[in-house]
Amino acid sequence: MAVHTSQSVAKAAGDDVARGRSRGTGNPPPPSRLRRALSVHWYAWTMVAPVVLVIGVIIGYPLVRGIWLSLTDANERNVARSIGVNEMPATYEFVGVDNYVDALTGTQFLGTLGWTLVWTVSCVAITFSLGMGLANMLNRRFAGRSAYRMALILPWAIPGFVSVFAWRFLYNEDRGLLNKILGGAGIDGIPWLNDPTWAKFSVIAVNVWLGIPFMMVALLGGLQSIPAEQYEAAEMDGATAWQRFRHITLPGLRPVSTTVILLSTIWTFNMFPVIFLLTRGGPGEATQILVTQAYKFSFEISPRDFAQSSTWGVLILVLLMLFAVVYRRVLRTQGDNW
């Protein structure tokens, strides 16, 4: 009986010690994932920290400031400003989400969003299709292939604003090269930038011309990474050119194409230079996209509406983030680990 009692006491004491350890009174708990990462990769974190800090200041402060202004009625007349030696304090007020309600329930934002979506989808689809065709062509061996590559990459090497001004000269209704060619063929000149419909086609054409080199180079790199043995085996099995393209080329390009489509969508959605330098959103508001309209609120109308501009900027950010999230989920459902 005494032996049994002593064993029970020892077991109870062991259980108390184990419970004490689990409560933190004994050995410390294992370190968290963040602590382990910092202790193992401290040198990498030290090297990255200055860059992260600078990017955080450059991007973080304007972002927070923009979100704050979107919740106010700030404009040119009530923000803090200096007039000579006099300092005028800010008098704008907090209005909550009124700016967002006005934007989302008004016709201007929704109308501009509709054209922005048409502009983005059209540019990305045409750029991807032409880039795919050119990449397939340049992936074959033929005489002068290097010269063709250099010629097709040329629009990428020229600064964007130079290219846009060159196209603006080509589109000139009176002295432009395009209308002179049409006139030589007995066809009336086209108001490329003065008619709302033609202006939309014109800006899409310029953006496609600027975007093809990036798409072509990226897809060409993806094509060259597909093993040639797969095409040879498919050809021996009697597969047609379309079957080889559908079952070998497209799946092989999937990792590259998903990335370039996402990047091209984001860039096109925010493509300020083409619209601003070519048409300034005109004629009227026909070619105005969200980002150029946000710019117009801050720098062109009077009084300059900083609150409305910030509201549109935040909405643009939210829309692109939602697109990225949905795009990623769709890829995951299709089996892509991206």
C-alpha atoms as a PDB file:
ATOM      1  CA  MET A   1       0.000   0.000   0.000  1.00  0.00           C
ATOM      2  CA  ALA A   2       2.827   2.410   0.871  1.00  0.00           C
ATOM      3  CA  VAL A   3       4.650   1.576  -2.362  1.00  0.00           C
ATOM      4  CA  HIS A   4       1.474   2.183  -4.372  1.00  0.00           C
ATOM      5  CA  THR A   5       0.900   5.502  -2.591  1.00  0.00           C
ATOM      6  CA  SER A   6       4.467   6.672  -3.273  1.00  0.00           C
ATOM      7  CA  GLN A   7       4.111   5.785  -6.973  1.00  0.00           C
ATOM      8  CA  SER A   8       0.866   7.778  -7.180  1.00  0.00           C
ATOM      9  CA  VAL A   9       2.510  10.790  -5.535  1.00  0.00           C
ATOM     10  CA  ALA A  10       5.478  10.598  -7.945  1.00  0.00           C
ATOM     11  CA  LYS A  11       3.165  10.378 -10.951  1.00  0.00           C
ATOM     12  CA  ALA A  12       1.125  13.361  -9.747  1.00  0.00           C
ATOM     13  CA  ALA A  13       4.322  15.351  -9.239  1.00  0.00           C
ATOM     14  CA  GLY A  14       5.457  14.462 -12.778  1.00  0.00           C
ATOM     15  CA  ASP A  15       2.115  15.591 -14.169  1.00  0.00           C
ATOM     16  CA  ASP A  16       2.425  18.877 -12.272  1.00  0.00           C
ATOM     17  CA  VAL A  17       5.895  19.443 -13.725  1.00  0.00           C
ATOM     18  CA  ALA A  18       4.654  18.718 -17.241  1.00  0.00           C
ATOM     19  CA  ARG A  19       1.722  21.088 -16.768  1.00  0.00           C
ATOM     20  CA  GLY A  20       4.076  23.711 -15.407  1.00  0.00           C
ATOM     21  CA  ARG A  21       6.259  23.432 -18.469  1.00  0.00           C
ATOM     22  CA  SER A  22       3.283  23.719 -20.767  1.00  0.00           C
ATOM     23  CA  ARG A  23       2.215  26.868 -18.894  1.00  0.00           C
ATOM     24  CA  GLY A  24       5.649  28.400 -19.445  1.00  0.00           C
ATOM     25  CA  THR A  25       7.025  27.843 -15.924  1.00  0.00           C
ATOM     26  CA  GLY A  26       9.548  25.295 -17.196  1.00  0.00           C
ATOM     27  CA  ASN A  27      11.366  25.249 -20.538  1.00  0.00           C
ATOM     28  CA  PRO A  28      10.481  28.151 -22.882  1.00  0.00           C
ATOM     29  CA  PRO A  29       8.182  27.466 -25.871  1.00  0.00           C
ATOM     30  CA  PRO A  30       9.725  27.047 -29.330  1.00  0.00           C
ATOM     31  CA  PRO A  31      10.421  30.342 -31.162  1.00  0.00           C
ATOM     32  CA  SER A  32       7.881  31.666 -33.652  1.00  0.00           C
ATOM     33  CA  ARG A  33       8.389  31.509 -37.414  1.00  0.00           C
ATOM     34  CA  LEU A  34       9.216  35.221 -37.562  1.00  0.00           C
ATOM     35  CA  ARG A  35      11.811  34.908 -34.802  1.00  0.00           C
ATOM     36  CA  ARG A  36      13.387  31.890 -36.467  1.00  0.00           C
ATOM     37  CA  ALA A  37      13.492  33.737 -39.810  1.00  0.00           C
ATOM     38  CA  LEU A  38      15.140  36.759 -38.206  1.00  0.00           C
ATOM     39  CA  SER A  39      17.703  34.652 -36.350  1.00  0.00           C
ATOM     40  CA  VAL A  40      18.637  32.528 -39.379  1.00  0.00           C
ATOM     41  CA  HIS A  41      18.450  35.168 -42.120  1.00  0.00           C
ATOM     42  CA  TRP A  42      19.428  38.259 -40.126  1.00  0.00           C
ATOM     43  CA  TYR A  43      22.073  39.253 -42.658  1.00  0.00           C
ATOM     44  CA  ALA A  44      19.575  39.235 -45.541  1.00  0.00           C
ATOM     45  CA  TRP A  45      17.078  41.251 -43.514  1.00  0.00           C
ATOM     46  CA  THR A  46      19.822  43.775 -42.695  1.00  0.00           C
ATOM     47  CA  MET A  47      20.646  44.224 -46.379  1.00  0.00           C
ATOM     48  CA  VAL A  48      16.983  44.556 -47.406  1.00  0.00           C
ATOM     49  CA  ALA A  49      15.920  46.850 -44.561  1.00  0.00           C
ATOM     50  CA  PRO A  50      17.178  50.157 -46.089  1.00  0.00           C
ATOM     51  CA  VAL A  51      15.420  49.449 -49.401  1.00  0.00           C
ATOM     52  CA  VAL A  52      12.198  48.479 -47.634  1.00  0.00           C
ATOM     53  CA  LEU A  53      12.393  51.642 -45.523  1.00  0.00           C
ATOM     54  CA  VAL A  54      12.902  53.905 -48.528  1.00  0.00           C
ATOM     55  CA  ILE A  55      10.109  52.241 -50.517  1.00  0.00           C
ATOM     56  CA  GLY A  56       7.844  52.446 -47.481  1.00  0.00           C
ATOM     57  CA  VAL A  57       8.444  56.186 -47.191  1.00  0.00           C
ATOM     58  CA  ILE A  58       8.129  56.858 -50.927  1.00  0.00           C
ATOM     59  CA  ILE A  59       4.986  54.747 -51.390  1.00  0.00           C
ATOM     60  CA  GLY A  60       3.545  54.476 -47.901  1.00  0.00           C
ATOM     61  CA  TYR A  61       3.279  58.168 -47.069  1.00  0.00           C
ATOM     62  CA  PRO A  62       1.578  59.229 -50.339  1.00  0.00           C
ATOM     63  CA  LEU A  63      -0.782  56.272 -50.049  1.00  0.00           C
ATOM     64  CA  VAL A  64      -1.807  57.110 -46.479  1.00  0.00           C
ATOM     65  CA  ARG A  65      -2.048  60.801 -47.361  1.00  0.00           C
ATOM     66  CA  GLY A  66      -4.218  60.028 -50.381  1.00  0.00           C
ATOM     67  CA  ILE A  67      -6.562  57.823 -48.352  1.00  0.00           C
ATOM     68  CA  TRP A  68      -6.906  60.573 -45.760  1.00  0.00           C
ATOM     69  CA  LEU A  69      -7.650  63.265 -48.368  1.00  0.00           C
ATOM     70  CA  SER A  70     -10.283  61.018 -49.948  1.00  0.00           C
ATOM     71  CA  LEU A  71     -12.166  61.182 -46.649  1.00  0.00           C
ATOM     72  CA  THR A  72     -12.218  64.995 -46.626  1.00  0.00           C
ATOM     73  CA  ASP A  73     -13.501  67.842 -48.790  1.00  0.00           C
ATOM     74  CA  ALA A  74      -9.988  69.134 -49.566  1.00  0.00           C
ATOM     75  CA  ASN A  75      -9.600  71.379 -52.575  1.00  0.00           C
ATOM     76  CA  GLU A  76      -7.394  74.214 -53.777  1.00  0.00           C
ATOM     77  CA  ARG A  77      -9.170  76.770 -51.600  1.00  0.00           C
ATOM     78  CA  ASN A  78      -9.138  75.063 -48.209  1.00  0.00           C
ATOM     79  CA  VAL A  79      -5.762  73.275 -48.015  1.00  0.00           C
ATOM     80  CA  ALA A  80      -2.785  74.741 -46.180  1.00  0.00           C
ATOM     81  CA  ARG A  81      -0.898  77.169 -48.425  1.00  0.00           C
ATOM     82  CA  SER A  82       1.425  80.143 -48.395  1.00  0.00           C
ATOM     83  CA  ILE A  83       0.514  83.539 -49.833  1.00  0.00           C
ATOM     84  CA  GLY A  84       3.616  85.696 -49.706  1.00  0.00           C
ATOM     85  CA  VAL A  85       4.759  85.678 -46.098  1.00  0.00           C
ATOM     86  CA  ASN A  86       1.340  84.651 -44.823  1.00  0.00           C
ATOM     87  CA  GLU A  87       0.629  81.035 -43.932  1.00  0.00           C
ATOM     88  CA  MET A  88      -2.950  79.945 -44.534  1.00  0.00           C
ATOM     89  CA  PRO A  89      -3.960  76.954 -42.383  1.00  0.00           C
ATOM     90  CA  ALA A  90      -5.995  74.069 -43.765  1.00  0.00           C
ATOM     91  CA  THR A  91      -9.751  74.416 -43.293  1.00  0.00           C
ATOM     92  CA  TYR A  92     -10.997  71.269 -45.034  1.00  0.00           C
ATOM     93  CA  GLU A  93     -13.236  68.947 -43.038  1.00  0.00           C
ATOM     94  CA  PHE A  94     -13.667  65.211 -42.593  1.00  0.00           C
ATOM     95  CA  VAL A  95     -16.637  63.942 -44.619  1.00  0.00           C
ATOM     96  CA  GLY A  96     -16.257  60.198 -44.221  1.00  0.00           C
ATOM     97  CA  VAL A  97     -17.112  58.066 -47.236  1.00  0.00           C
ATOM     98  CA  ASP A  98     -19.244  60.721 -48.940  1.00  0.00           C
ATOM     99  CA  ASN A  99     -16.734  61.064 -51.778  1.00  0.00           C
ATOM    100  CA  TYR A 100     -16.853  57.321 -52.434  1.00  0.00           C
ATOM    101  CA  VAL A 101     -20.651  57.314 -52.402  1.00  0.00           C
ATOM    102  CA  ASP A 102     -20.753  60.225 -54.837  1.00  0.00           C
ATOM    103  CA  ALA A 103     -18.232  58.555 -57.151  1.00  0.00           C
ATOM    104  CA  LEU A 104     -19.853  55.129 -57.158  1.00  0.00           C
ATOM    105  CA  THR A 105     -23.397  56.434 -57.565  1.00  0.00           C
ATOM    106  CA  GLY A 106     -22.570  59.100 -60.149  1.00  0.00           C
ATOM    107  CA  THR A 107     -22.489  58.612 -63.897  1.00  0.00           C
ATOM    108  CA  GLN A 108     -19.005  60.048 -64.461  1.00  0.00           C
ATOM    109  CA  PHE A 109     -17.060  57.380 -62.610  1.00  0.00           C
ATOM    110  CA  LEU A 110     -19.078  54.478 -63.975  1.00  0.00           C
ATOM    111  CA  GLY A 111     -18.934  55.827 -67.532  1.00  0.00           C
ATOM    112  CA  THR A 112     -15.187  56.363 -67.334  1.00  0.00           C
ATOM    113  CA  LEU A 113     -14.756  52.920 -65.780  1.00  0.00           C
ATOM    114  CA  GLY A 114     -16.661  51.335 -68.660  1.00  0.00           C
ATOM    115  CA  TRP A 115     -14.375  52.853 -71.301  1.00  0.00           C
ATOM    116  CA  THR A 116     -11.309  52.045 -69.153  1.00  0.00           C
ATOM    117  CA  LEU A 117     -12.308  48.377 -69.100  1.00  0.00           C
ATOM    118  CA  VAL A 118     -12.903  48.354 -72.870  1.00  0.00           C
ATOM    119  CA  TRP A 119      -9.548  50.065 -73.408  1.00  0.00           C
ATOM    120  CA  THR A 120      -7.718  47.614 -71.127  1.00  0.00           C
ATOM    121  CA  VAL A 121      -9.296  44.419 -72.457  1.00  0.00           C
ATOM    122  CA  SER A 122      -8.876  45.484 -76.092  1.00  0.00           C
ATOM    123  CA  CYS A 123      -5.235  46.503 -75.697  1.00  0.00           C
ATOM    124  CA  VAL A 124      -4.224  43.407 -73.706  1.00  0.00           C
ATOM    125  CA  ALA A 125      -6.066  40.990 -76.004  1.00  0.00           C
ATOM    126  CA  ILE A 126      -4.689  42.481 -79.228  1.00  0.00           C
ATOM    127  CA  THR A 127      -1.182  42.880 -77.798  1.00  0.00           C
ATOM    128  CA  PHE A 128      -1.119  39.296 -76.538  1.00  0.00           C
ATOM    129  CA  SER A 129      -2.419  37.891 -79.840  1.00  0.00           C
ATOM    130  CA  LEU A 130       0.035  39.828 -81.999  1.00  0.00           C
ATOM    131  CA  GLY A 131       2.890  39.185 -79.581  1.00  0.00           C
ATOM    132  CA  MET A 132       2.128  35.463 -79.663  1.00  0.00           C
ATOM    133  CA  GLY A 133       2.070  35.406 -83.461  1.00  0.00           C
ATOM    134  CA  LEU A 134       5.334  37.328 -83.792  1.00  0.00           C
ATOM    135  CA  ALA A 135       7.013  35.226 -81.115  1.00  0.00           C
ATOM    136  CA  ASN A 136       6.056  32.019 -82.954  1.00  0.00           C
ATOM    137  CA  MET A 137       7.366  33.483 -86.190  1.00  0.00           C
ATOM    138  CA  LEU A 138      10.679  34.565 -84.654  1.00  0.00           C
ATOM    139  CA  ASN A 139      11.078  31.211 -82.922  1.00  0.00           C
ATOM    140  CA  ARG A 140      11.678  29.622 -86.334  1.00  0.00           C
ATOM    141  CA  ARG A 141      14.911  29.815 -88.263  1.00  0.00           C
ATOM    142  CA  PHE A 142      14.850  31.965 -91.381  1.00  0.00           C
ATOM    143  CA  ALA A 143      17.106  34.433 -93.116  1.00  0.00           C
ATOM    144  CA  GLY A 144      17.292  37.855 -91.455  1.00  0.00           C
ATOM    145  CA  ARG A 145      15.695  36.737 -88.182  1.00  0.00           C
ATOM    146  CA  SER A 146      18.016  38.927 -86.088  1.00  0.00           C
ATOM    147  CA  ALA A 147      17.160  42.006 -88.166  1.00  0.00           C
ATOM    148  CA  TYR A 148      13.445  41.336 -87.713  1.00  0.00           C
ATOM    149  CA  ARG A 149      13.930  40.992 -83.959  1.00  0.00           C
ATOM    150  CA  MET A 150      15.725  44.318 -83.744  1.00  0.00           C
ATOM    151  CA  ALA A 151      13.054  46.048 -85.852  1.00  0.00           C
ATOM    152  CA  LEU A 152      10.211  44.663 -83.730  1.00  0.00           C
ATOM    153  CA  ILE A 153      11.922  45.588 -80.454  1.00  0.00           C
ATOM    154  CA  LEU A 154      12.577  49.158 -81.663  1.00  0.00           C
ATOM    155  CA  PRO A 155       9.302  50.634 -80.254  1.00  0.00           C
ATOM    156  CA  TRP A 156      10.388  49.384 -76.824  1.00  0.00           C
ATOM    157  CA  ALA A 157      13.746  51.163 -77.084  1.00  0.00           C
ATOM    158  CA  ILE A 158      12.236  54.551 -77.950  1.00  0.00           C
ATOM    159  CA  PRO A 159      10.979  56.654 -74.998  1.00  0.00           C
ATOM    160  CA  GLY A 160       7.222  56.461 -74.725  1.00  0.00           C
ATOM    161  CA  PHE A 161       6.547  60.183 -75.045  1.00  0.00           C
ATOM    162  CA  VAL A 162       8.645  60.345 -78.243  1.00  0.00           C
ATOM    163  CA  SER A 163       6.613  57.522 -79.766  1.00  0.00           C
ATOM    164  CA  VAL A 164       3.327  59.163 -78.791  1.00  0.00           C
ATOM    165  CA  PHE A 165       4.330  62.507 -80.314  1.00  0.00           C
ATOM    166  CA  ALA A 166       5.400  60.715 -83.499  1.00  0.00           C
ATOM    167  CA  TRP A 167       1.994  59.035 -83.726  1.00  0.00           C
ATOM    168  CA  ARG A 168       0.300  62.355 -83.016  1.00  0.00           C
ATOM    169  CA  PHE A 169       2.053  63.793 -86.069  1.00  0.00           C
ATOM    170  CA  LEU A 170       0.985  60.774 -88.140  1.00  0.00           C
ATOM    171  CA  TYR A 171      -2.624  61.245 -86.988  1.00  0.00           C
ATOM    172  CA  ASN A 172      -2.722  64.972 -87.842  1.00  0.00           C
ATOM    173  CA  GLU A 173      -5.882  65.537 -89.854  1.00  0.00           C
ATOM    174  CA  ASP A 174      -4.397  68.168 -92.194  1.00  0.00           C
ATOM    175  CA  ARG A 175      -0.686  67.363 -92.465  1.00  0.00           C
ATOM    176  CA  GLY A 176      -0.464  63.824 -91.140  1.00  0.00           C
ATOM    177  CA  LEU A 177       1.190  61.080 -93.160  1.00  0.00           C
ATOM    178  CA  LEU A 178      -1.761  58.700 -92.808  1.00  0.00           C
ATOM    179  CA  ASN A 179      -4.256  61.118 -94.331  1.00  0.00           C
ATOM    180  CA  LYS A 180      -1.791  62.018 -97.086  1.00  0.00           C
ATOM    181  CA  ILE A 181      -1.583  58.350 -98.007  1.00  0.00           C
ATOM    182  CA  LEU A 182      -5.373  58.119 -98.006  1.00  0.00           C
ATOM    183  CA  GLY A 183      -5.622  61.295-100.067  1.00  0.00           C
ATOM    184  CA  GLY A 184      -3.197  59.880-102.622  1.00  0.00           C
ATOM    185  CA  ALA A 185      -5.521  56.899-102.979  1.00  0.00           C
ATOM    186  CA  GLY A 186      -8.542  59.166-103.467  1.00  0.00           C
ATOM    187  CA  ILE A 187      -9.963  58.583 -99.989  1.00  0.00           C
ATOM    188  CA  ASP A 188     -11.098  61.431 -97.750  1.00  0.00           C
ATOM    189  CA  GLY A 189      -8.998  62.126 -94.691  1.00  0.00           C
ATOM    190  CA  ILE A 190     -10.081  60.639 -91.360  1.00  0.00           C
ATOM    191  CA  PRO A 191     -10.375  62.777 -88.201  1.00  0.00           C
ATOM    192  CA  TRP A 192      -8.218  60.357 -86.227  1.00  0.00           C
ATOM    193  CA  LEU A 193      -8.118  62.379 -83.011  1.00  0.00           C
ATOM    194  CA  ASN A 194     -11.121  64.680 -83.489  1.00  0.00           C
ATOM    195  CA  ASP A 195     -13.874  62.085 -83.777  1.00  0.00           C
ATOM    196  CA  PRO A 196     -14.792  60.161 -80.583  1.00  0.00           C
ATOM    197  CA  THR A 197     -14.939  56.745 -82.260  1.00  0.00           C
ATOM    198  CA  TRP A 198     -11.804  57.182 -84.352  1.00  0.00           C
ATOM    199  CA  ALA A 199      -9.966  58.626 -81.343  1.00  0.00           C
ATOM    200  CA  LYS A 200     -10.660  55.442 -79.367  1.00  0.00           C
ATOM    201  CA  PHE A 201      -9.324  53.273 -82.178  1.00  0.00           C
ATOM    202  CA  SER A 202      -6.301  55.560 -82.470  1.00  0.00           C
ATOM    203  CA  VAL A 203      -5.251  55.410 -78.820  1.00  0.00           C
ATOM    204  CA  ILE A 204      -5.722  51.626 -78.749  1.00  0.00           C
ATOM    205  CA  ALA A 205      -3.535  51.271 -81.855  1.00  0.00           C
ATOM    206  CA  VAL A 206      -0.731  53.362 -80.320  1.00  0.00           C
ATOM    207  CA  ASN A 207      -0.796  51.466 -77.035  1.00  0.00           C
ATOM    208  CA  VAL A 208      -0.757  48.127 -78.865  1.00  0.00           C
ATOM    209  CA  TRP A 209       2.225  49.306 -80.922  1.00  0.00           C
ATOM    210  CA  LEU A 210       4.059  50.222 -77.714  1.00  0.00           C
ATOM    211  CA  GLY A 211       3.151  46.995 -75.910  1.00  0.00           C
ATOM    212  CA  ILE A 212       3.943  44.404 -78.578  1.00  0.00           C
ATOM    213  CA  PRO A 213       7.760  44.323 -78.020  1.00  0.00           C
ATOM    214  CA  PHE A 214       7.455  43.411 -74.322  1.00  0.00           C
ATOM    215  CA  MET A 215       4.834  40.767 -75.002  1.00  0.00           C
ATOM    216  CA  MET A 216       6.783  39.329 -77.920  1.00  0.00           C
ATOM    217  CA  VAL A 217      10.104  39.106 -76.043  1.00  0.00           C
ATOM    218  CA  ALA A 218       8.488  37.531 -72.979  1.00  0.00           C
ATOM    219  CA  LEU A 219       6.570  34.935 -75.011  1.00  0.00           C
ATOM    220  CA  LEU A 220       9.600  34.240 -77.207  1.00  0.00           C
ATOM    221  CA  GLY A 221      11.594  33.405 -74.095  1.00  0.00           C
ATOM    222  CA  GLY A 222       8.810  31.069 -73.007  1.00  0.00           C
ATOM    223  CA  LEU A 223       8.727  29.368 -76.410  1.00  0.00           C
ATOM    224  CA  GLN A 224      12.466  28.744 -76.363  1.00  0.00           C
ATOM    225  CA  SER A 225      12.134  27.028 -72.977  1.00  0.00           C
ATOM    226  CA  ILE A 226       9.745  24.368 -74.383  1.00  0.00           C
ATOM    227  CA  PRO A 227      11.723  21.216 -75.294  1.00  0.00           C
ATOM    228  CA  ALA A 228      11.881  20.652 -79.064  1.00  0.00           C
ATOM    229  CA  GLU A 229      11.483  16.911 -78.475  1.00  0.00           C
ATOM    230  CA  GLN A 230       7.828  17.428 -77.610  1.00  0.00           C
ATOM    231  CA  TYR A 231       7.103  18.958 -81.014  1.00  0.00           C
ATOM    232  CA  GLU A 232       9.078  16.229 -82.775  1.00  0.00           C
ATOM    233  CA  ALA A 233       7.202  13.476 -80.954  1.00  0.00           C
ATOM    234  CA  ALA A 234       3.837  15.110 -81.676  1.00  0.00           C
ATOM    235  CA  GLU A 235       4.721  15.509 -85.344  1.00  0.00           C
ATOM    236  CA  MET A 236       5.701  11.854 -85.594  1.00  0.00           C
ATOM    237  CA  ASP A 237       2.346  10.940 -84.063  1.00  0.00           C
ATOM    238  CA  GLY A 238       0.595  12.868 -86.820  1.00  0.00           C
ATOM    239  CA  ALA A 239      -0.474  15.938 -84.835  1.00  0.00           C
ATOM    240  CA  THR A 240      -1.428  18.956 -86.922  1.00  0.00           C
ATOM    241  CA  ALA A 241       0.083  22.417 -86.422  1.00  0.00           C
ATOM    242  CA  TRP A 242      -3.023  23.562 -84.540  1.00  0.00           C
ATOM    243  CA  GLN A 243      -2.937  20.482 -82.268  1.00  0.00           C
ATOM    244  CA  ARG A 244       0.740  21.085 -81.490  1.00  0.00           C
ATOM    245  CA  PHE A 245      -0.003  24.709 -80.710  1.00  0.00           C
ATOM    246  CA  ARG A 246      -2.989  23.859 -78.514  1.00  0.00           C
ATOM    247  CA  HIS A 247      -1.544  20.922 -76.582  1.00  0.00           C
ATOM    248  CA  ILE A 248       2.157  21.851 -76.387  1.00  0.00           C
ATOM    249  CA  THR A 249       2.695  25.567 -76.985  1.00  0.00           C
ATOM    250  CA  LEU A 250      -0.149  26.990 -74.909  1.00  0.00           C
ATOM    251  CA  PRO A 251       0.436  24.747 -71.837  1.00  0.00           C
ATOM    252  CA  GLY A 252       4.186  25.359 -72.090  1.00  0.00           C
ATOM    253  CA  LEU A 253       3.661  29.127 -72.184  1.00  0.00           C
ATOM    254  CA  ARG A 254       1.239  29.171 -69.280  1.00  0.00           C
ATOM    255  CA  PRO A 255       3.735  30.271 -66.571  1.00  0.00           C
ATOM    256  CA  VAL A 256       4.914  33.141 -68.768  1.00  0.00           C
ATOM    257  CA  SER A 257       1.575  34.149 -70.249  1.00  0.00           C
ATOM    258  CA  THR A 258      -0.187  34.394 -66.893  1.00  0.00           C
ATOM    259  CA  THR A 259       2.458  36.798 -65.612  1.00  0.00           C
ATOM    260  CA  VAL A 260       2.624  39.003 -68.714  1.00  0.00           C
ATOM    261  CA  ILE A 261      -1.164  39.232 -68.930  1.00  0.00           C
ATOM    262  CA  LEU A 262      -1.349  40.409 -65.316  1.00  0.00           C
ATOM    263  CA  LEU A 263       1.435  42.962 -65.786  1.00  0.00           C
ATOM    264  CA  SER A 264       0.042  44.181 -69.090  1.00  0.00           C
ATOM    265  CA  THR A 265      -3.416  44.606 -67.560  1.00  0.00           C
ATOM    266  CA  ILE A 266      -2.094  46.702 -64.683  1.00  0.00           C
ATOM    267  CA  TRP A 267       0.105  48.828 -66.960  1.00  0.00           C
ATOM    268  CA  THR A 268      -2.659  49.387 -69.511  1.00  0.00           C
ATOM    269  CA  PHE A 269      -5.263  50.208 -66.871  1.00  0.00           C
ATOM    270  CA  ASN A 270      -2.947  52.986 -65.636  1.00  0.00           C
ATOM    271  CA  MET A 271      -1.493  53.993 -69.022  1.00  0.00           C
ATOM    272  CA  PHE A 272      -1.406  57.738 -68.476  1.00  0.00           C
ATOM    273  CA  PRO A 273       1.108  58.923 -71.159  1.00  0.00           C
ATOM    274  CA  VAL A 274      -0.694  57.576 -74.243  1.00  0.00           C
ATOM    275  CA  ILE A 275      -4.068  59.082 -73.385  1.00  0.00           C
ATOM    276  CA  PHE A 276      -2.758  62.347 -71.966  1.00  0.00           C
ATOM    277  CA  LEU A 277      -0.193  63.128 -74.668  1.00  0.00           C
ATOM    278  CA  LEU A 278      -2.281  61.936 -77.615  1.00  0.00           C
ATOM    279  CA  THR A 279      -5.795  63.199 -76.883  1.00  0.00           C
ATOM    280  CA  ARG A 280      -5.758  64.627 -73.315  1.00  0.00           C
ATOM    281  CA  GLY A 281      -8.920  62.568 -72.808  1.00  0.00           C
ATOM    282  CA  GLY A 282     -10.696  64.130 -75.765  1.00  0.00           C
ATOM    283  CA  PRO A 283     -12.459  64.842 -77.892  1.00  0.00           C
ATOM    284  CA  GLY A 284     -14.675  65.903 -75.030  1.00  0.00           C
ATOM    285  CA  GLU A 285     -14.308  63.067 -72.535  1.00  0.00           C
ATOM    286  CA  ALA A 286     -14.380  60.263 -75.119  1.00  0.00           C
ATOM    287  CA  THR A 287     -10.977  58.736 -74.342  1.00  0.00           C
ATOM    288  CA  GLN A 288     -10.699  59.710 -70.679  1.00  0.00           C
ATOM    289  CA  ILE A 289      -9.667  56.776 -68.484  1.00  0.00           C
ATOM    290  CA  LEU A 290      -9.729  56.668 -64.701  1.00  0.00           C
ATOM    291  CA  VAL A 291      -6.136  57.725 -64.125  1.00  0.00           C
ATOM    292  CA  THR A 292      -6.278  60.702 -66.514  1.00  0.00           C
ATOM    293  CA  GLN A 293      -9.542  61.848 -64.975  1.00  0.00           C
ATOM    294  CA  ALA A 294      -7.986  61.672 -61.503  1.00  0.00           C
ATOM    295  CA  TYR A 295      -5.139  63.819 -62.819  1.00  0.00           C
ATOM    296  CA  LYS A 296      -7.645  66.270 -64.273  1.00  0.00           C
ATOM    297  CA  PHE A 297      -9.331  66.713 -60.894  1.00  0.00           C
ATOM    298  CA  SER A 298      -6.027  67.679 -59.270  1.00  0.00           C
ATOM    299  CA  PHE A 299      -4.352  69.791 -61.961  1.00  0.00           C
ATOM    300  CA  GLU A 300      -6.767  71.028 -64.636  1.00  0.00           C
ATOM    301  CA  ILE A 301     -10.144  71.983 -63.196  1.00  0.00           C
ATOM    302  CA  SER A 302     -10.627  75.035 -60.990  1.00  0.00           C
ATOM    303  CA  PRO A 303     -10.690  74.847 -58.043  1.00  0.00           C
ATOM    304  CA  ARG A 304      -8.508  71.764 -58.048  1.00  0.00           C
ATOM    305  CA  ASP A 305     -10.360  68.979 -56.263  1.00  0.00           C
ATOM    306  CA  PHE A 306      -7.777  67.003 -54.289  1.00  0.00           C
ATOM    307  CA  ALA A 307     -10.382  64.980 -52.415  1.00  0.00           C
ATOM    308  CA  GLN A 308     -12.082  63.740 -55.567  1.00  0.00           C
ATOM    309  CA  SER A 309      -8.757  62.961 -57.208  1.00  0.00           C
ATOM    310  CA  SER A 310      -7.630  60.973 -54.164  1.00  0.00           C
ATOM    311  CA  THR A 311     -10.944  59.123 -54.113  1.00  0.00           C
ATOM    312  CA  TRP A 312     -10.533  58.031 -57.715  1.00  0.00           C
ATOM    313  CA  GLY A 313      -6.924  57.024 -57.021  1.00  0.00           C
ATOM    314  CA  VAL A 314      -7.953  54.816 -54.103  1.00  0.00           C
ATOM    315  CA  LEU A 315     -10.724  53.248 -56.175  1.00  0.00           C
ATOM    316  CA  ILE A 316      -8.228  52.501 -58.956  1.00  0.00           C
ATOM    317  CA  LEU A 317      -5.965  50.776 -56.421  1.00  0.00           C
ATOM    318  CA  VAL A 318      -8.858  48.744 -55.007  1.00  0.00           C
ATOM    319  CA  LEU A 319     -10.015  47.659 -58.467  1.00  0.00           C
ATOM    320  CA  LEU A 320      -6.531  46.482 -59.456  1.00  0.00           C
ATOM    321  CA  MET A 321      -6.079  44.631 -56.155  1.00  0.00           C
ATOM    322  CA  LEU A 322      -9.431  42.889 -56.618  1.00  0.00           C
ATOM    323  CA  PHE A 323      -8.465  41.923 -60.149  1.00  0.00           C
ATOM    324  CA  ALA A 324      -5.127  40.497 -58.959  1.00  0.00           C
ATOM    325  CA  VAL A 325      -6.824  38.467 -56.212  1.00  0.00           C
ATOM    326  CA  VAL A 326      -9.519  37.077 -58.534  1.00  0.00           C
ATOM    327  CA  TYR A 327      -6.943  36.372 -61.241  1.00  0.00           C
ATOM    328  CA  ARG A 328      -4.785  34.436 -58.787  1.00  0.00           C
ATOM    329  CA  ARG A 329      -7.718  32.408 -57.489  1.00  0.00           C
ATOM    330  CA  VAL A 330      -8.819  31.522 -61.016  1.00  0.00           C
ATOM    331  CA  LEU A 331      -5.309  30.288 -61.814  1.00  0.00           C
ATOM    332  CA  ARG A 332      -5.237  28.218 -58.629  1.00  0.00           C
ATOM    333  CA  THR A 333      -8.549  26.577 -59.465  1.00  0.00           C
ATOM    334  CA  GLN A 334      -7.026  25.622 -62.830  1.00  0.00           C
ATOM    335  CA  GLY A 335      -4.102  23.948 -61.089  1.00  0.00           C
ATOM    336  CA  ASP A 336      -1.471  26.684 -61.463  1.00  0.00           C
ATOM    337  CA  ASN A 337       0.754  27.300 -58.457  1.00  0.00           C
ATOM    338  CA  TRP A 338       1.192  31.047 -58.907  1.00  0.00           C
END
